[in-house]
C-alpha atoms as a PDB file:
ATOM      1  CA  UNK A   1      22.224 -13.424   1.401  1.00  0.00           C
ATOM      2  CA  UNK A   2      18.877 -13.656   3.053  1.00  0.00           C
ATOM      3  CA  UNK A   3      15.752 -12.553   1.187  1.00  0.00           C
ATOM      4  CA  UNK A   4      15.196  -9.511   3.324  1.00  0.00           C
ATOM      5  CA  UNK A   5      18.748  -8.375   2.829  1.00  0.00           C
ATOM      6  CA  UNK A   6      18.157  -8.274  -0.838  1.00  0.00           C
ATOM      7  CA  UNK A   7      14.800  -6.468  -0.685  1.00  0.00           C
ATOM      8  CA  UNK A   8      15.240  -3.967   2.139  1.00  0.00           C
ATOM      9  CA  UNK A   9      17.773  -1.575   0.489  1.00  0.00           C
ATOM     10  CA  UNK A  10      15.014   0.275  -1.347  1.00  0.00           C
ATOM     11  CA  UNK A  11      13.422   1.367   1.954  1.00  0.00           C
ATOM     12  CA  UNK A  12      16.757   1.563   3.774  1.00  0.00           C
ATOM     13  CA  UNK A  13      17.471   4.357   1.231  1.00  0.00           C
ATOM     14  CA  UNK A  14      14.223   6.119   0.812  1.00  0.00           C
ATOM     15  CA  UNK A  15      12.321   5.164   4.026  1.00  0.00           C
ATOM     16  CA  UNK A  16      13.649   7.947   6.197  1.00  0.00           C
ATOM     17  CA  UNK A  17      10.805  10.334   7.206  1.00  0.00           C
ATOM     18  CA  UNK A  18       8.023   7.877   6.217  1.00  0.00           C
ATOM     19  CA  UNK A  19       6.552   8.112   9.693  1.00  0.00           C
ATOM     20  CA  UNK A  20       5.717  11.836   9.297  1.00  0.00           C
ATOM     21  CA  UNK A  21       3.743  11.527   5.995  1.00  0.00           C
ATOM     22  CA  UNK A  22       2.543   7.918   6.050  1.00  0.00           C
ATOM     23  CA  UNK A  23      -0.094   8.029   8.766  1.00  0.00           C
ATOM     24  CA  UNK A  24      -3.276   5.879   8.758  1.00  0.00           C
ATOM     25  CA  UNK A  25      -6.296   7.561   7.289  1.00  0.00           C
ATOM     26  CA  UNK A  26      -9.278   6.862   9.598  1.00  0.00           C
ATOM     27  CA  UNK A  27     -11.692   6.185   6.720  1.00  0.00           C
ATOM     28  CA  UNK A  28      -9.409   3.577   5.213  1.00  0.00           C
ATOM     29  CA  UNK A  29      -8.680   2.245   8.637  1.00  0.00           C
ATOM     30  CA  UNK A  30     -12.480   1.780   9.238  1.00  0.00           C
ATOM     31  CA  UNK A  31     -12.671  -0.423   6.138  1.00  0.00           C
ATOM     32  CA  UNK A  32      -9.795  -2.529   7.303  1.00  0.00           C
ATOM     33  CA  UNK A  33     -11.250  -2.892  10.777  1.00  0.00           C
ATOM     34  CA  UNK A  34     -14.492  -4.196   9.263  1.00  0.00           C
ATOM     35  CA  UNK A  35     -12.605  -6.677   7.108  1.00  0.00           C
ATOM     36  CA  UNK A  36     -10.881  -7.921  10.255  1.00  0.00           C
ATOM     37  CA  UNK A  37     -14.049  -8.528  12.213  1.00  0.00           C
ATOM     38  CA  UNK A  38     -13.696 -11.587  14.425  1.00  0.00           C
ATOM     39  CA  UNK A  39      -9.940 -11.612  14.187  1.00  0.00           C
ATOM     40  CA  UNK A  40      -8.057 -11.072  17.416  1.00  0.00           C
ATOM     41  CA  UNK A  41      -4.494 -11.870  16.401  1.00  0.00           C
ATOM     42  CA  UNK A  42      -2.812 -10.331  13.371  1.00  0.00           C
ATOM     43  CA  UNK A  43       0.449 -10.682  11.545  1.00  0.00           C
ATOM     44  CA  UNK A  44       1.080  -7.549   9.488  1.00  0.00           C
ATOM     45  CA  UNK A  45       3.419  -8.130   6.519  1.00  0.00           C
ATOM     46  CA  UNK A  46       5.492  -5.313   5.004  1.00  0.00           C
ATOM     47  CA  UNK A  47       4.378  -3.377   8.125  1.00  0.00           C
ATOM     48  CA  UNK A  48       6.706  -0.384   7.640  1.00  0.00           C
ATOM     49  CA  UNK A  49       6.241   2.132  10.532  1.00  0.00           C
ATOM     50  CA  UNK A  50       2.956   0.556  11.617  1.00  0.00           C
ATOM     51  CA  UNK A  51       0.133   2.229   9.725  1.00  0.00           C
ATOM     52  CA  UNK A  52      -3.153   0.517  10.048  1.00  0.00           C
ATOM     53  CA  UNK A  53      -2.097  -1.651  12.936  1.00  0.00           C
ATOM     54  CA  UNK A  54      -5.412  -1.267  14.721  1.00  0.00           C
ATOM     55  CA  UNK A  55      -5.523  -0.994  18.463  1.00  0.00           C
ATOM     56  CA  UNK A  56      -7.328  -3.699  20.387  1.00  0.00           C
ATOM     57  CA  UNK A  57      -5.806  -6.654  18.439  1.00  0.00           C
ATOM     58  CA  UNK A  58      -2.729  -8.542  19.197  1.00  0.00           C
ATOM     59  CA  UNK A  59      -0.383  -7.814  16.324  1.00  0.00           C
ATOM     60  CA  UNK A  60       3.088  -8.964  15.178  1.00  0.00           C
ATOM     61  CA  UNK A  61       4.718  -6.887  12.412  1.00  0.00           C
ATOM     62  CA  UNK A  62       7.015  -8.288   9.823  1.00  0.00           C
ATOM     63  CA  UNK A  63       9.125  -5.772   7.858  1.00  0.00           C
ATOM     64  CA  UNK A  64      12.353  -6.234   5.798  1.00  0.00           C
ATOM     65  CA  UNK A  65      13.852  -2.774   6.197  1.00  0.00           C
ATOM     66  CA  UNK A  66      15.858  -1.850   9.291  1.00  0.00           C
ATOM     67  CA  UNK A  67      15.295   1.818   8.565  1.00  0.00           C
ATOM     68  CA  UNK A  68      11.502   1.354   8.640  1.00  0.00           C
ATOM     69  CA  UNK A  69      11.621  -0.775  11.782  1.00  0.00           C
ATOM     70  CA  UNK A  70      13.682   1.998  13.502  1.00  0.00           C
ATOM     71  CA  UNK A  71      10.900   4.516  12.812  1.00  0.00           C
ATOM     72  CA  UNK A  72       8.245   2.459  14.538  1.00  0.00           C
ATOM     73  CA  UNK A  73       6.744   4.073  17.653  1.00  0.00           C
ATOM     74  CA  UNK A  74       7.939   2.741  21.007  1.00  0.00           C
ATOM     75  CA  UNK A  75       4.384   1.542  21.703  1.00  0.00           C
ATOM     76  CA  UNK A  76       3.937  -0.049  18.298  1.00  0.00           C
ATOM     77  CA  UNK A  77       3.425  -3.810  17.838  1.00  0.00           C
ATOM     78  CA  UNK A  78       6.573  -5.943  18.120  1.00  0.00           C
ATOM     79  CA  UNK A  79       8.364  -6.450  14.838  1.00  0.00           C
ATOM     80  CA  UNK A  80      10.440  -9.146  13.232  1.00  0.00           C
ATOM     81  CA  UNK A  81      12.667  -8.577  10.188  1.00  0.00           C
ATOM     82  CA  UNK A  82      11.456 -10.729   7.342  1.00  0.00           C
ATOM     83  CA  UNK A  83       9.579 -10.860   4.021  1.00  0.00           C
ATOM     84  CA  UNK A  84       6.237 -12.136   2.726  1.00  0.00           C
ATOM     85  CA  UNK A  85       7.812 -14.997   0.761  1.00  0.00           C
ATOM     86  CA  UNK A  86       9.391 -16.469   3.940  1.00  0.00           C
ATOM     87  CA  UNK A  87       7.444 -15.454   7.030  1.00  0.00           C
ATOM     88  CA  UNK A  88       9.318 -15.932  10.337  1.00  0.00           C
ATOM     89  CA  UNK A  89       6.148 -17.257  12.126  1.00  0.00           C
ATOM     90  CA  UNK A  90       4.556 -20.622  12.825  1.00  0.00           C
ATOM     91  CA  UNK A  91       1.930 -22.264  10.675  1.00  0.00           C
ATOM     92  CA  UNK A  92      -1.738 -21.225  11.464  1.00  0.00           C
ATOM     93  CA  UNK A  93      -0.545 -19.073  14.407  1.00  0.00           C
ATOM     94  CA  UNK A  94      -2.769 -16.033  13.600  1.00  0.00           C
ATOM     95  CA  UNK A  95      -6.404 -15.218  12.869  1.00  0.00           C
ATOM     96  CA  UNK A  96      -5.440 -12.925   9.972  1.00  0.00           C
ATOM     97  CA  UNK A  97      -2.420 -11.975   7.876  1.00  0.00           C
ATOM     98  CA  UNK A  98      -2.518  -8.404   6.512  1.00  0.00           C
ATOM     99  CA  UNK A  99      -0.519  -6.571   3.863  1.00  0.00           C
ATOM    100  CA  UNK A 100      -1.147  -2.891   3.236  1.00  0.00           C
ATOM    101  CA  UNK A 101       0.212  -1.175   0.100  1.00  0.00           C
ATOM    102  CA  UNK A 102       3.161  -3.547  -0.042  1.00  0.00           C
ATOM    103  CA  UNK A 103       2.272  -6.199  -2.660  1.00  0.00           C
ATOM    104  CA  UNK A 104       4.342  -4.384  -5.353  1.00  0.00           C
ATOM    105  CA  UNK A 105       7.463  -4.938  -3.335  1.00  0.00           C
ATOM    106  CA  UNK A 106       7.125  -8.745  -3.203  1.00  0.00           C
ATOM    107  CA  UNK A 107       9.439 -10.684  -5.344  1.00  0.00           C
ATOM    108  CA  UNK A 108       6.944 -13.550  -5.853  1.00  0.00           C
ATOM    109  CA  UNK A 109       3.217 -12.760  -5.241  1.00  0.00           C
ATOM    110  CA  UNK A 110       2.156 -16.433  -5.494  1.00  0.00           C
ATOM    111  CA  UNK A 111       4.691 -17.501  -2.902  1.00  0.00           C
ATOM    112  CA  UNK A 112       3.787 -14.561  -0.663  1.00  0.00           C
ATOM    113  CA  UNK A 113       0.089 -15.446  -0.739  1.00  0.00           C
ATOM    114  CA  UNK A 114       0.904 -19.132   0.070  1.00  0.00           C
ATOM    115  CA  UNK A 115       2.827 -17.936   3.081  1.00  0.00           C
ATOM    116  CA  UNK A 116       0.006 -15.712   4.268  1.00  0.00           C
ATOM    117  CA  UNK A 117      -2.343 -18.669   3.874  1.00  0.00           C
ATOM    118  CA  UNK A 118       0.054 -20.901   5.819  1.00  0.00           C
ATOM    119  CA  UNK A 119       0.064 -18.691   8.890  1.00  0.00           C
ATOM    120  CA  UNK A 120      -3.463 -17.369   9.094  1.00  0.00           C
ATOM    121  CA  UNK A 121      -7.089 -18.247   8.393  1.00  0.00           C
ATOM    122  CA  UNK A 122      -7.909 -14.884   6.809  1.00  0.00           C
ATOM    123  CA  UNK A 123      -5.938 -12.622   4.434  1.00  0.00           C
ATOM    124  CA  UNK A 124      -6.600  -8.902   4.107  1.00  0.00           C
ATOM    125  CA  UNK A 125      -4.603  -6.960   1.479  1.00  0.00           C
ATOM    126  CA  UNK A 126      -4.817  -3.325   0.556  1.00  0.00           C
ATOM    127  CA  UNK A 127      -3.370  -2.814  -2.945  1.00  0.00           C
ATOM    128  CA  UNK A 128      -3.889  -1.170  -6.332  1.00  0.00           C
ATOM    129  CA  UNK A 129      -5.091  -2.750  -9.606  1.00  0.00           C
ATOM    130  CA  UNK A 130      -4.027  -1.518 -13.036  1.00  0.00           C
ATOM    131  CA  UNK A 131      -7.503  -2.127 -14.584  1.00  0.00           C
ATOM    132  CA  UNK A 132      -8.677   0.968 -12.771  1.00  0.00           C
ATOM    133  CA  UNK A 133      -9.842   4.508 -13.681  1.00  0.00           C
ATOM    134  CA  UNK A 134      -7.228   6.882 -14.947  1.00  0.00           C
ATOM    135  CA  UNK A 135      -5.298   9.141 -12.629  1.00  0.00           C
ATOM    136  CA  UNK A 136      -4.157  12.548 -13.925  1.00  0.00           C
ATOM    137  CA  UNK A 137      -0.899  12.368 -12.044  1.00  0.00           C
ATOM    138  CA  UNK A 138       0.390   9.304 -13.826  1.00  0.00           C
ATOM    139  CA  UNK A 139      -1.486   9.752 -17.087  1.00  0.00           C
ATOM    140  CA  UNK A 140      -0.401  13.347 -17.720  1.00  0.00           C
ATOM    141  CA  UNK A 141       2.821  13.923 -15.780  1.00  0.00           C
ATOM    142  CA  UNK A 142       4.538  10.718 -14.696  1.00  0.00           C
ATOM    143  CA  UNK A 143       3.637   7.981 -17.274  1.00  0.00           C
ATOM    144  CA  UNK A 144       6.775   6.100 -16.205  1.00  0.00           C
ATOM    145  CA  UNK A 145       5.095   5.420 -12.836  1.00  0.00           C
ATOM    146  CA  UNK A 146       2.004   4.092 -14.640  1.00  0.00           C
ATOM    147  CA  UNK A 147       4.110   1.926 -16.942  1.00  0.00           C
ATOM    148  CA  UNK A 148       6.067   0.599 -13.948  1.00  0.00           C
ATOM    149  CA  UNK A 149       2.891  -0.197 -11.944  1.00  0.00           C
ATOM    150  CA  UNK A 150       1.114  -1.834 -14.880  1.00  0.00           C
ATOM    151  CA  UNK A 151       3.987  -4.281 -15.054  1.00  0.00           C
ATOM    152  CA  UNK A 152       4.169  -4.978 -11.407  1.00  0.00           C
ATOM    153  CA  UNK A 153       0.608  -5.084  -9.981  1.00  0.00           C
ATOM    154  CA  UNK A 154      -1.702  -7.900 -10.937  1.00  0.00           C
ATOM    155  CA  UNK A 155      -5.047  -7.026 -12.481  1.00  0.00           C
ATOM    156  CA  UNK A 156      -8.211  -7.556 -10.611  1.00  0.00           C
ATOM    157  CA  UNK A 157      -8.919 -10.878 -12.325  1.00  0.00           C
ATOM    158  CA  UNK A 158      -5.368 -12.077 -11.947  1.00  0.00           C
ATOM    159  CA  UNK A 159      -5.286 -11.135  -8.254  1.00  0.00           C
ATOM    160  CA  UNK A 160      -8.568 -12.919  -7.559  1.00  0.00           C
ATOM    161  CA  UNK A 161      -7.299 -16.023  -9.289  1.00  0.00           C
ATOM    162  CA  UNK A 162      -4.100 -16.022  -7.433  1.00  0.00           C
ATOM    163  CA  UNK A 163      -5.976 -15.575  -4.136  1.00  0.00           C
ATOM    164  CA  UNK A 164      -8.381 -18.409  -5.030  1.00  0.00           C
ATOM    165  CA  UNK A 165      -5.405 -20.744  -5.318  1.00  0.00           C
ATOM    166  CA  UNK A 166      -4.982 -20.451  -1.596  1.00  0.00           C
ATOM    167  CA  UNK A 167      -8.407 -19.367  -0.208  1.00  0.00           C
ATOM    168  CA  UNK A 168     -11.952 -20.670  -0.420  1.00  0.00           C
ATOM    169  CA  UNK A 169     -13.621 -17.238  -0.450  1.00  0.00           C
ATOM    170  CA  UNK A 170     -12.210 -14.085  -2.087  1.00  0.00           C
ATOM    171  CA  UNK A 171     -13.795 -10.680  -2.048  1.00  0.00           C
ATOM    172  CA  UNK A 172     -12.480  -7.592  -3.831  1.00  0.00           C
ATOM    173  CA  UNK A 173     -13.787  -4.319  -2.325  1.00  0.00           C
ATOM    174  CA  UNK A 174     -13.280  -0.763  -3.592  1.00  0.00           C
ATOM    175  CA  UNK A 175     -11.402   1.653  -1.350  1.00  0.00           C
ATOM    176  CA  UNK A 176     -12.432   5.287  -2.209  1.00  0.00           C
ATOM    177  CA  UNK A 177      -9.626   7.705  -1.491  1.00  0.00           C
ATOM    178  CA  UNK A 178     -10.846  10.769   0.469  1.00  0.00           C
ATOM    179  CA  UNK A 179     -10.081  14.225  -0.940  1.00  0.00           C
ATOM    180  CA  UNK A 180      -8.150  15.069   2.258  1.00  0.00           C
ATOM    181  CA  UNK A 181      -6.465  11.605   2.736  1.00  0.00           C
ATOM    182  CA  UNK A 182      -3.794  11.976   5.450  1.00  0.00           C
ATOM    183  CA  UNK A 183      -1.886   8.752   4.431  1.00  0.00           C
ATOM    184  CA  UNK A 184       0.592  10.123   1.955  1.00  0.00           C
ATOM    185  CA  UNK A 185       0.742   7.387  -0.645  1.00  0.00           C
ATOM    186  CA  UNK A 186       0.806   8.022  -4.401  1.00  0.00           C
ATOM    187  CA  UNK A 187      -2.869   8.925  -4.944  1.00  0.00           C
ATOM    188  CA  UNK A 188      -3.476  10.616  -1.624  1.00  0.00           C
ATOM    189  CA  UNK A 189      -3.218  14.145  -3.089  1.00  0.00           C
ATOM    190  CA  UNK A 190      -5.466  13.607  -6.127  1.00  0.00           C
ATOM    191  CA  UNK A 191      -7.534  16.750  -5.234  1.00  0.00           C
ATOM    192  CA  UNK A 192      -4.471  18.742  -4.023  1.00  0.00           C
ATOM    193  CA  UNK A 193      -2.099  18.784  -6.917  1.00  0.00           C
ATOM    194  CA  UNK A 194       0.162  21.391  -5.347  1.00  0.00           C
ATOM    195  CA  UNK A 195       1.300  18.790  -2.848  1.00  0.00           C
ATOM    196  CA  UNK A 196       3.251  16.784  -5.456  1.00  0.00           C
ATOM    197  CA  UNK A 197       5.579  19.724  -5.806  1.00  0.00           C
ATOM    198  CA  UNK A 198       6.664  19.305  -2.184  1.00  0.00           C
ATOM    199  CA  UNK A 199       9.903  17.168  -1.982  1.00  0.00           C
ATOM    200  CA  UNK A 200       8.897  15.934   1.483  1.00  0.00           C
ATOM    201  CA  UNK A 201       5.633  14.564   0.046  1.00  0.00           C
ATOM    202  CA  UNK A 202       7.482  12.789  -2.770  1.00  0.00           C
ATOM    203  CA  UNK A 203       9.982  11.288  -0.364  1.00  0.00           C
ATOM    204  CA  UNK A 204       7.163   9.271   1.174  1.00  0.00           C
ATOM    205  CA  UNK A 205       6.065   7.911  -2.180  1.00  0.00           C
ATOM    206  CA  UNK A 206       8.460   5.079  -3.216  1.00  0.00           C
ATOM    207  CA  UNK A 207       7.777   5.473  -6.971  1.00  0.00           C
ATOM    208  CA  UNK A 208       9.383   8.890  -7.124  1.00  0.00           C
ATOM    209  CA  UNK A 209      12.607   7.403  -5.992  1.00  0.00           C
ATOM    210  CA  UNK A 210      12.657   5.018  -8.892  1.00  0.00           C
ATOM    211  CA  UNK A 211      11.876   7.326 -11.757  1.00  0.00           C
ATOM    212  CA  UNK A 212      13.386  10.689 -12.759  1.00  0.00           C
ATOM    213  CA  UNK A 213      10.574  13.113 -11.969  1.00  0.00           C
ATOM    214  CA  UNK A 214      12.278  16.291 -13.244  1.00  0.00           C
ATOM    215  CA  UNK A 215      10.297  16.769 -16.526  1.00  0.00           C
ATOM    216  CA  UNK A 216       6.939  15.791 -14.974  1.00  0.00           C
ATOM    217  CA  UNK A 217       7.440  18.167 -12.065  1.00  0.00           C
ATOM    218  CA  UNK A 218       8.318  21.021 -14.355  1.00  0.00           C
ATOM    219  CA  UNK A 219       5.152  20.539 -16.434  1.00  0.00           C
ATOM    220  CA  UNK A 220       2.976  20.184 -13.404  1.00  0.00           C
ATOM    221  CA  UNK A 221       4.429  23.352 -11.834  1.00  0.00           C
ATOM    222  CA  UNK A 222       3.750  25.251 -15.079  1.00  0.00           C
ATOM    223  CA  UNK A 223       0.310  23.916 -15.512  1.00  0.00           C
ATOM    224  CA  UNK A 224      -0.591  24.900 -11.944  1.00  0.00           C
ATOM    225  CA  UNK A 225       0.962  28.378 -12.402  1.00  0.00           C
ATOM    226  CA  UNK A 226      -0.883  29.214 -15.685  1.00  0.00           C
ATOM    227  CA  UNK A 227      -4.209  27.525 -14.773  1.00  0.00           C
ATOM    228  CA  UNK A 228      -3.859  24.710 -17.315  1.00  0.00           C
ATOM    229  CA  UNK A 229      -4.332  22.018 -14.625  1.00  0.00           C
ATOM    230  CA  UNK A 230      -7.523  23.697 -13.335  1.00  0.00           C
ATOM    231  CA  UNK A 231      -8.850  24.139 -16.841  1.00  0.00           C
ATOM    232  CA  UNK A 232      -8.782  20.286 -17.124  1.00  0.00           C
ATOM    233  CA  UNK A 233      -9.448  19.148 -13.571  1.00  0.00           C
ATOM    234  CA  UNK A 234     -10.949  21.912 -11.534  1.00  0.00           C
ATOM    235  CA  UNK A 235     -14.033  19.756 -10.727  1.00  0.00           C
ATOM    236  CA  UNK A 236     -11.754  17.355  -8.773  1.00  0.00           C
ATOM    237  CA  UNK A 237     -11.131  19.990  -6.155  1.00  0.00           C
ATOM    238  CA  UNK A 238     -14.921  19.845  -5.189  1.00  0.00           C
ATOM    239  CA  UNK A 239     -15.132  15.989  -5.011  1.00  0.00           C
ATOM    240  CA  UNK A 240     -15.135  14.289  -1.619  1.00  0.00           C
ATOM    241  CA  UNK A 241     -13.692  10.917  -2.625  1.00  0.00           C
ATOM    242  CA  UNK A 242     -12.703   9.071  -5.735  1.00  0.00           C
ATOM    243  CA  UNK A 243     -12.049   5.577  -6.964  1.00  0.00           C
ATOM    244  CA  UNK A 244      -8.483   5.477  -8.193  1.00  0.00           C
ATOM    245  CA  UNK A 245      -8.086   1.743  -8.307  1.00  0.00           C
ATOM    246  CA  UNK A 246      -7.300   0.878  -4.725  1.00  0.00           C
ATOM    247  CA  UNK A 247      -8.812  -2.392  -3.578  1.00  0.00           C
ATOM    248  CA  UNK A 248      -9.241  -4.301  -0.267  1.00  0.00           C
ATOM    249  CA  UNK A 249      -8.786  -8.088  -0.925  1.00  0.00           C
ATOM    250  CA  UNK A 250     -10.422 -10.286   1.764  1.00  0.00           C
ATOM    251  CA  UNK A 251      -9.719 -13.968   1.607  1.00  0.00           C
ATOM    252  CA  UNK A 252     -11.029 -16.644   3.951  1.00  0.00           C
ATOM    253  CA  UNK A 253      -9.448 -20.168   3.969  1.00  0.00           C
ATOM    254  CA  UNK A 254     -11.559 -23.260   4.038  1.00  0.00           C
ATOM    255  CA  UNK A 255     -12.335 -24.429   7.649  1.00  0.00           C
ATOM    256  CA  UNK A 256      -9.916 -27.127   8.812  1.00  0.00           C
END
């Protein structure tokens, strides 16, 4: 069995409909565009339906799930089926290798990073770090998601150390999440709690397919109905953006 055949069933099952909710947020896209300054050719790993594949650059997508590949737009970048740990591309054939909100699906982060460094001179990763400010959704209602993520995502220090094993220069940059974020990942609706009650919203968040959300949803529904959520978190509705632990990792390999 090839590696992608063992990894892709998760998204082959839950990936239907991703393209409708998982759209690039322009403010996050602008941060990525800056990180890719000077890079004309990109290989995008764990590319999904093509979010954050910025126009004006020559891009090759790599994605393990056939379901996700099928949802890519007709004018999206060409896509090869494959995984981070065994990229189906030649050595040093791209200016940059990118991976957006996909690190937690890798089977071996060190091997994946080594592969990104093999094929490109710059690595740009959008991810989440567990040594981050608390988030009411996972702290109060779905602690199983927090426990799962704490065990999967490397901390800031660990991630920087892993990146320094393959890159000469490593920068870790905060990615504030806008209050009206249009990319429907886990923390996108931090100021719009009612959204998490929508089954379509949850279907575009992979973690909800892994846990049993029944109890947490019932408590959230009750707390919104009787005002308990607003008693605790009303101020969030007025905030414009928030640091919820998302980071952009920018790595440059040594010349030559």
